[in-house]
Amino acid sequence: MLRPTDFDAAGNLTMEAVQGKVAEGNAPFWMASGLPPDAFYGRGLGRVNVELKIERLGPARPGMPVRLVTWFGPPGSKTVEVCHQLEDLATGAALAAVRAVSLIIDLDSRRPIGLPGEIRRLLG
């Protein structure tokens, strides 16, 4: 549900509010996809966000029930892309889109590494 505090003085949904909805849904999405934190950290791997793009797509209003739809974009050789769309629950209209790209790193060296095959398969 969108709250009055999710909007700026001009009545626009704030980027912080969109990012907050994504943050609420991110961990359950990773768990449901079969990639809990241990799938990376248990292998000595980490994820570093290198790109985040947030776009407003449609009008929103306080009190509007919303849902977040999330999916993996095509994996890169060393990156994972996660796409999110915030939608009006009643109509399905897109309110905002978020694209996040994470670089996979070795936690010891802090250097980028190739995406392991078993993780790539789970990404889909």
C-alpha atoms as a PDB file:
ATOM      1  CA  MET A   1       0.000   0.000   0.000  1.00  0.00           C
ATOM      2  CA  LEU A   2       1.442   3.373  -0.927  1.00  0.00           C
ATOM      3  CA  ARG A   3       1.576   5.873   1.930  1.00  0.00           C
ATOM      4  CA  PRO A   4       1.426   9.673   1.781  1.00  0.00           C
ATOM      5  CA  THR A   5       5.100   9.738   2.793  1.00  0.00           C
ATOM      6  CA  ASP A   6       5.943   7.855  -0.442  1.00  0.00           C
ATOM      7  CA  PHE A   7       5.267  11.020  -2.441  1.00  0.00           C
ATOM      8  CA  ASP A   8       7.105  14.298  -2.903  1.00  0.00           C
ATOM      9  CA  ALA A   9       5.559  17.766  -2.599  1.00  0.00           C
ATOM     10  CA  ALA A  10       4.478  17.650  -6.266  1.00  0.00           C
ATOM     11  CA  GLY A  11       2.618  14.363  -5.714  1.00  0.00           C
ATOM     12  CA  ASN A  12       5.155  12.162  -7.493  1.00  0.00           C
ATOM     13  CA  LEU A  13       6.100   8.755  -6.147  1.00  0.00           C
ATOM     14  CA  THR A  14       9.644   9.176  -4.830  1.00  0.00           C
ATOM     15  CA  MET A  15      12.571   7.109  -6.032  1.00  0.00           C
ATOM     16  CA  GLU A  16      13.246   6.247  -2.379  1.00  0.00           C
ATOM     17  CA  ALA A  17       9.748   4.783  -2.041  1.00  0.00           C
ATOM     18  CA  VAL A  18      10.209   2.648  -5.161  1.00  0.00           C
ATOM     19  CA  GLN A  19      13.612   1.493  -3.971  1.00  0.00           C
ATOM     20  CA  GLY A  20      12.097   0.663  -0.562  1.00  0.00           C
ATOM     21  CA  LYS A  21       9.444  -1.571  -2.166  1.00  0.00           C
ATOM     22  CA  VAL A  22      12.191  -3.327  -4.128  1.00  0.00           C
ATOM     23  CA  ALA A  23      14.237  -3.816  -0.958  1.00  0.00           C
ATOM     24  CA  GLU A  24      11.217  -5.395   0.790  1.00  0.00           C
ATOM     25  CA  GLY A  25      10.761  -7.919  -2.021  1.00  0.00           C
ATOM     26  CA  ASN A  26      14.376  -8.602  -2.930  1.00  0.00           C
ATOM     27  CA  ALA A  27      15.321 -11.193  -0.274  1.00  0.00           C
ATOM     28  CA  PRO A  28      12.155 -13.311  -0.713  1.00  0.00           C
ATOM     29  CA  PHE A  29      12.707 -13.248  -4.494  1.00  0.00           C
ATOM     30  CA  TRP A  30      16.283 -14.531  -4.202  1.00  0.00           C
ATOM     31  CA  MET A  31      15.157 -17.250  -1.767  1.00  0.00           C
ATOM     32  CA  ALA A  32      12.263 -18.342  -4.007  1.00  0.00           C
ATOM     33  CA  SER A  33      14.580 -18.491  -7.026  1.00  0.00           C
ATOM     34  CA  GLY A  34      16.770 -21.068  -5.284  1.00  0.00           C
ATOM     35  CA  LEU A  35      19.594 -18.600  -4.715  1.00  0.00           C
ATOM     36  CA  PRO A  36      19.648 -17.847  -0.967  1.00  0.00           C
ATOM     37  CA  PRO A  37      22.580 -15.808   0.370  1.00  0.00           C
ATOM     38  CA  ASP A  38      24.614 -18.973   0.943  1.00  0.00           C
ATOM     39  CA  ALA A  39      24.504 -19.741  -2.800  1.00  0.00           C
ATOM     40  CA  PHE A  40      26.958 -16.856  -3.152  1.00  0.00           C
ATOM     41  CA  TYR A  41      28.528 -16.296   0.262  1.00  0.00           C
ATOM     42  CA  GLY A  42      28.927 -20.030   0.871  1.00  0.00           C
ATOM     43  CA  ARG A  43      31.140 -20.113  -2.231  1.00  0.00           C
ATOM     44  CA  GLY A  44      33.150 -17.065  -1.178  1.00  0.00           C
ATOM     45  CA  LEU A  45      31.320 -14.876  -3.688  1.00  0.00           C
ATOM     46  CA  GLY A  46      29.657 -11.517  -3.274  1.00  0.00           C
ATOM     47  CA  ARG A  47      27.388  -9.240  -5.300  1.00  0.00           C
ATOM     48  CA  VAL A  48      28.175  -5.579  -5.810  1.00  0.00           C
ATOM     49  CA  ASN A  49      25.539  -3.339  -7.394  1.00  0.00           C
ATOM     50  CA  VAL A  50      27.133  -1.514 -10.291  1.00  0.00           C
ATOM     51  CA  GLU A  51      24.026  -0.131 -11.963  1.00  0.00           C
ATOM     52  CA  LEU A  52      20.612   0.897 -10.699  1.00  0.00           C
ATOM     53  CA  LYS A  53      18.027   2.516 -12.960  1.00  0.00           C
ATOM     54  CA  ILE A  54      14.641   3.611 -11.610  1.00  0.00           C
ATOM     55  CA  GLU A  55      11.910   4.988 -13.878  1.00  0.00           C
ATOM     56  CA  ARG A  56       8.436   6.258 -13.105  1.00  0.00           C
ATOM     57  CA  LEU A  57       6.012   4.781 -15.627  1.00  0.00           C
ATOM     58  CA  GLY A  58       2.570   5.825 -14.497  1.00  0.00           C
ATOM     59  CA  PRO A  59       0.605   7.855 -11.977  1.00  0.00           C
ATOM     60  CA  ALA A  60       0.309   6.631  -8.390  1.00  0.00           C
ATOM     61  CA  ARG A  61      -1.591   7.913  -5.381  1.00  0.00           C
ATOM     62  CA  PRO A  62      -1.512   7.430  -1.621  1.00  0.00           C
ATOM     63  CA  GLY A  63      -3.592   4.442  -0.506  1.00  0.00           C
ATOM     64  CA  MET A  64      -3.051   2.597  -3.787  1.00  0.00           C
ATOM     65  CA  PRO A  65      -2.444  -1.139  -3.279  1.00  0.00           C
ATOM     66  CA  VAL A  66       0.616  -2.248  -5.226  1.00  0.00           C
ATOM     67  CA  ARG A  67       2.494  -5.402  -6.097  1.00  0.00           C
ATOM     68  CA  LEU A  68       6.098  -5.924  -7.104  1.00  0.00           C
ATOM     69  CA  VAL A  69       6.844  -8.250 -10.019  1.00  0.00           C
ATOM     70  CA  THR A  70      10.472  -9.360 -10.174  1.00  0.00           C
ATOM     71  CA  TRP A  71      12.485 -11.454 -12.639  1.00  0.00           C
ATOM     72  CA  PHE A  72      16.052 -12.107 -13.695  1.00  0.00           C
ATOM     73  CA  GLY A  73      17.331 -10.449 -16.841  1.00  0.00           C
ATOM     74  CA  PRO A  74      19.811 -12.312 -19.022  1.00  0.00           C
ATOM     75  CA  PRO A  75      22.951 -13.176 -17.033  1.00  0.00           C
ATOM     76  CA  GLY A  76      26.220 -11.650 -18.123  1.00  0.00           C
ATOM     77  CA  SER A  77      29.581 -13.365 -17.963  1.00  0.00           C
ATOM     78  CA  LYS A  78      30.237 -11.720 -14.569  1.00  0.00           C
ATOM     79  CA  THR A  79      26.920 -10.048 -13.771  1.00  0.00           C
ATOM     80  CA  VAL A  80      23.404 -10.748 -12.592  1.00  0.00           C
ATOM     81  CA  GLU A  81      20.535  -8.501 -13.690  1.00  0.00           C
ATOM     82  CA  VAL A  82      17.352  -8.243 -11.624  1.00  0.00           C
ATOM     83  CA  CYS A  83      14.333  -6.387 -13.018  1.00  0.00           C
ATOM     84  CA  HIS A  84      11.418  -5.139 -10.950  1.00  0.00           C
ATOM     85  CA  GLN A  85       8.103  -3.594 -11.911  1.00  0.00           C
ATOM     86  CA  LEU A  86       5.877  -1.884  -9.352  1.00  0.00           C
ATOM     87  CA  GLU A  87       2.256  -2.266 -10.428  1.00  0.00           C
ATOM     88  CA  ASP A  88      -1.178  -1.031  -9.391  1.00  0.00           C
ATOM     89  CA  LEU A  89      -2.677  -4.152  -7.816  1.00  0.00           C
ATOM     90  CA  ALA A  90      -6.208  -3.305  -9.009  1.00  0.00           C
ATOM     91  CA  THR A  91      -5.436  -2.653 -12.690  1.00  0.00           C
ATOM     92  CA  GLY A  92      -1.990  -4.147 -13.289  1.00  0.00           C
ATOM     93  CA  ALA A  93      -0.799  -0.790 -14.663  1.00  0.00           C
ATOM     94  CA  ALA A  94       2.950  -0.298 -14.391  1.00  0.00           C
ATOM     95  CA  LEU A  95       3.877   2.479 -11.953  1.00  0.00           C
ATOM     96  CA  ALA A  96       7.670   2.163 -11.894  1.00  0.00           C
ATOM     97  CA  ALA A  97      10.471  -0.008 -13.251  1.00  0.00           C
ATOM     98  CA  VAL A  98      13.795  -0.814 -11.647  1.00  0.00           C
ATOM     99  CA  ARG A  99      16.785  -2.498 -13.258  1.00  0.00           C
ATOM    100  CA  ALA A 100      19.674  -3.544 -11.026  1.00  0.00           C
ATOM    101  CA  VAL A 101      22.913  -5.065 -12.283  1.00  0.00           C
ATOM    102  CA  SER A 102      25.264  -6.725  -9.812  1.00  0.00           C
ATOM    103  CA  LEU A 103      28.863  -7.694 -10.462  1.00  0.00           C
ATOM    104  CA  ILE A 104      29.899 -11.058  -8.990  1.00  0.00           C
ATOM    105  CA  ILE A 105      33.150 -10.806  -7.029  1.00  0.00           C
ATOM    106  CA  ASP A 106      35.491 -13.100  -5.147  1.00  0.00           C
ATOM    107  CA  LEU A 107      35.194 -11.953  -1.528  1.00  0.00           C
ATOM    108  CA  ASP A 108      38.869 -12.619  -0.734  1.00  0.00           C
ATOM    109  CA  SER A 109      40.417 -10.779  -3.686  1.00  0.00           C
ATOM    110  CA  ARG A 110      37.531  -8.305  -4.199  1.00  0.00           C
ATOM    111  CA  ARG A 111      37.925  -8.917  -7.931  1.00  0.00           C
ATOM    112  CA  PRO A 112      35.200  -9.756 -10.456  1.00  0.00           C
ATOM    113  CA  ILE A 113      34.878 -13.416 -11.401  1.00  0.00           C
ATOM    114  CA  GLY A 114      32.874 -15.392 -13.910  1.00  0.00           C
ATOM    115  CA  LEU A 115      29.388 -16.450 -12.945  1.00  0.00           C
ATOM    116  CA  PRO A 116      29.509 -20.109 -11.815  1.00  0.00           C
ATOM    117  CA  GLY A 117      27.591 -22.464 -14.131  1.00  0.00           C
ATOM    118  CA  GLU A 118      25.247 -23.775 -11.429  1.00  0.00           C
ATOM    119  CA  ILE A 119      24.198 -20.221 -10.523  1.00  0.00           C
ATOM    120  CA  ARG A 120      23.830 -19.312 -14.209  1.00  0.00           C
ATOM    121  CA  ARG A 121      21.432 -22.274 -14.659  1.00  0.00           C
ATOM    122  CA  LEU A 122      19.254 -21.089 -11.764  1.00  0.00           C
ATOM    123  CA  LEU A 123      19.073 -17.613 -13.310  1.00  0.00           C
ATOM    124  CA  GLY A 124      17.426 -19.119 -16.200  1.00  0.00           C
END
